[in-house]
Amino acid sequence: NKDRGEECAKDVARITEIWNQARKRFGAGGEFLYGEFSAADGMYAPIVARFEGYSIEVDEVSRRYMNAVMEHPAYQEWRNEALTETWVIGEEEQDEEPIEKYR
């Protein structure tokens, strides 16, 4: 596990705190934040992927939640589609300013 700095550690701690609170308060009916798979889990799927991809260490509750998300068929489909994506941002596009509506 690589030290990614204090700011990253703060972000990870805040996200896992949110996950733990949701699981504790609302998650009794299943493995996800609010029990059953919901839009909230879909919203956090990219964060789960990033934590997993960068080998971010998390507490046991967060790890079980991440595993549940990664095992869900919707996540599997999303990941498999991403792995077959052939479109790549070219070098000339990386230095462009963001489109105004996304700021």
Protein backbone atom coordinates (compact mmCIF):
# COMPACT_ATOMS: atom_id res chain seq x y z
CA ASN A 1 0.00 0.00 0.00
CA LYS A 2 1.50 3.29 -1.14
CA ASP A 3 1.22 6.44 0.97
CA ARG A 4 -0.86 8.79 -1.15
CA GLY A 5 -0.62 11.75 1.17
CA GLU A 6 -2.67 13.43 3.85
CA GLU A 7 -5.32 14.89 1.53
CA CYS A 8 -6.02 11.49 -0.01
CA ALA A 9 -6.19 9.90 3.44
CA LYS A 10 -8.72 12.56 4.53
CA ASP A 11 -10.88 11.89 1.46
CA VAL A 12 -10.75 8.12 2.00
CA ALA A 13 -11.63 8.54 5.69
CA ARG A 14 -14.61 10.76 4.84
CA ILE A 15 -15.94 8.38 2.18
CA THR A 16 -15.57 5.31 4.38
CA GLU A 17 -17.25 7.21 7.23
CA ILE A 18 -20.23 7.87 4.94
CA TRP A 19 -20.31 4.21 3.91
CA ASN A 20 -20.10 3.00 7.51
CA GLN A 21 -22.86 5.35 8.69
CA ALA A 22 -25.18 4.35 5.85
CA ARG A 23 -24.55 0.64 6.45
CA LYS A 24 -25.14 1.02 10.18
CA ARG A 25 -28.31 3.11 9.90
CA PHE A 26 -29.95 1.69 6.78
CA GLY A 27 -28.07 -1.37 5.55
CA ALA A 28 -29.60 -4.16 7.62
CA GLY A 29 -31.59 -5.49 4.65
CA GLY A 30 -28.60 -6.47 2.51
CA GLU A 31 -24.99 -5.85 1.58
CA PHE A 32 -25.33 -2.36 0.16
CA LEU A 33 -25.49 1.14 1.65
CA TYR A 34 -29.26 1.03 2.05
CA GLY A 35 -29.65 -2.74 2.15
CA GLU A 36 -30.60 -3.52 -1.43
CA PHE A 37 -28.61 -2.22 -4.40
CA SER A 38 -29.66 1.36 -5.19
CA ALA A 39 -28.63 4.47 -7.10
CA ALA A 40 -26.37 5.39 -4.17
CA ASP A 41 -24.32 2.26 -4.80
CA GLY A 42 -24.18 3.04 -8.52
CA MET A 43 -22.94 6.52 -7.68
CA TYR A 44 -20.15 5.10 -5.51
CA ALA A 45 -19.16 2.38 -8.00
CA PRO A 46 -16.42 4.56 -9.58
CA ILE A 47 -15.02 5.27 -6.11
CA VAL A 48 -15.05 1.55 -5.34
CA ALA A 49 -13.19 0.94 -8.60
CA ARG A 50 -10.64 3.61 -7.81
CA PHE A 51 -10.05 2.38 -4.25
CA GLU A 52 -9.63 -1.16 -5.58
CA GLY A 53 -7.43 -0.11 -8.49
CA TYR A 54 -5.10 1.92 -6.28
CA SER A 55 -5.09 -0.70 -3.48
CA ILE A 56 -6.47 1.79 -0.95
CA GLU A 57 -6.74 0.18 2.47
CA VAL A 58 -10.16 0.48 4.07
CA ASP A 59 -11.85 -0.84 7.20
CA GLU A 60 -13.65 -4.20 7.20
CA VAL A 61 -17.17 -2.75 6.77
CA SER A 62 -16.03 -0.74 3.75
CA ARG A 63 -14.18 -3.74 2.31
CA ARG A 64 -17.31 -5.92 2.53
CA TYR A 65 -19.33 -3.14 0.90
CA MET A 66 -16.76 -2.74 -1.89
CA ASN A 67 -16.77 -6.50 -2.50
CA ALA A 68 -20.58 -6.50 -2.72
CA VAL A 69 -20.49 -3.68 -5.28
CA MET A 70 -17.76 -5.36 -7.34
CA GLU A 71 -19.71 -8.64 -7.36
CA HIS A 72 -22.97 -7.01 -8.50
CA PRO A 73 -23.92 -7.82 -12.13
CA ALA A 74 -24.35 -4.12 -13.02
CA TYR A 75 -20.81 -3.36 -11.83
CA GLN A 76 -19.44 -6.38 -13.69
CA GLU A 77 -21.12 -5.24 -16.91
CA TRP A 78 -19.87 -1.66 -16.47
CA ARG A 79 -16.32 -2.86 -15.80
CA ASN A 80 -16.29 -5.32 -18.69
CA GLU A 81 -17.57 -2.64 -21.07
CA ALA A 82 -14.88 -0.25 -19.84
CA LEU A 83 -12.16 -2.85 -20.38
CA THR A 84 -13.21 -3.31 -24.01
CA GLU A 85 -13.42 0.42 -24.72
CA THR A 86 -11.06 1.41 -27.52
CA TRP A 87 -11.57 5.17 -27.44
CA VAL A 88 -8.56 6.98 -25.94
CA ILE A 89 -8.05 10.68 -25.28
CA GLY A 90 -5.18 11.86 -27.47
CA GLU A 91 -2.30 13.85 -26.07
CA GLU A 92 -3.47 17.03 -27.80
CA GLU A 93 -6.81 16.79 -25.97
CA GLN A 94 -5.32 16.46 -22.48
CA ASP A 95 -4.16 20.07 -22.42
CA GLU A 96 -7.47 21.53 -23.56
CA GLU A 97 -9.57 23.58 -21.18
CA PRO A 98 -12.65 21.85 -19.75
CA ILE A 99 -15.92 22.55 -21.50
CA GLU A 100 -17.57 25.46 -19.70
CA LYS A 101 -20.72 23.53 -18.75
CA TYR A 102 -18.63 21.02 -16.76
CA ARG A 103 -16.92 23.60 -14.56
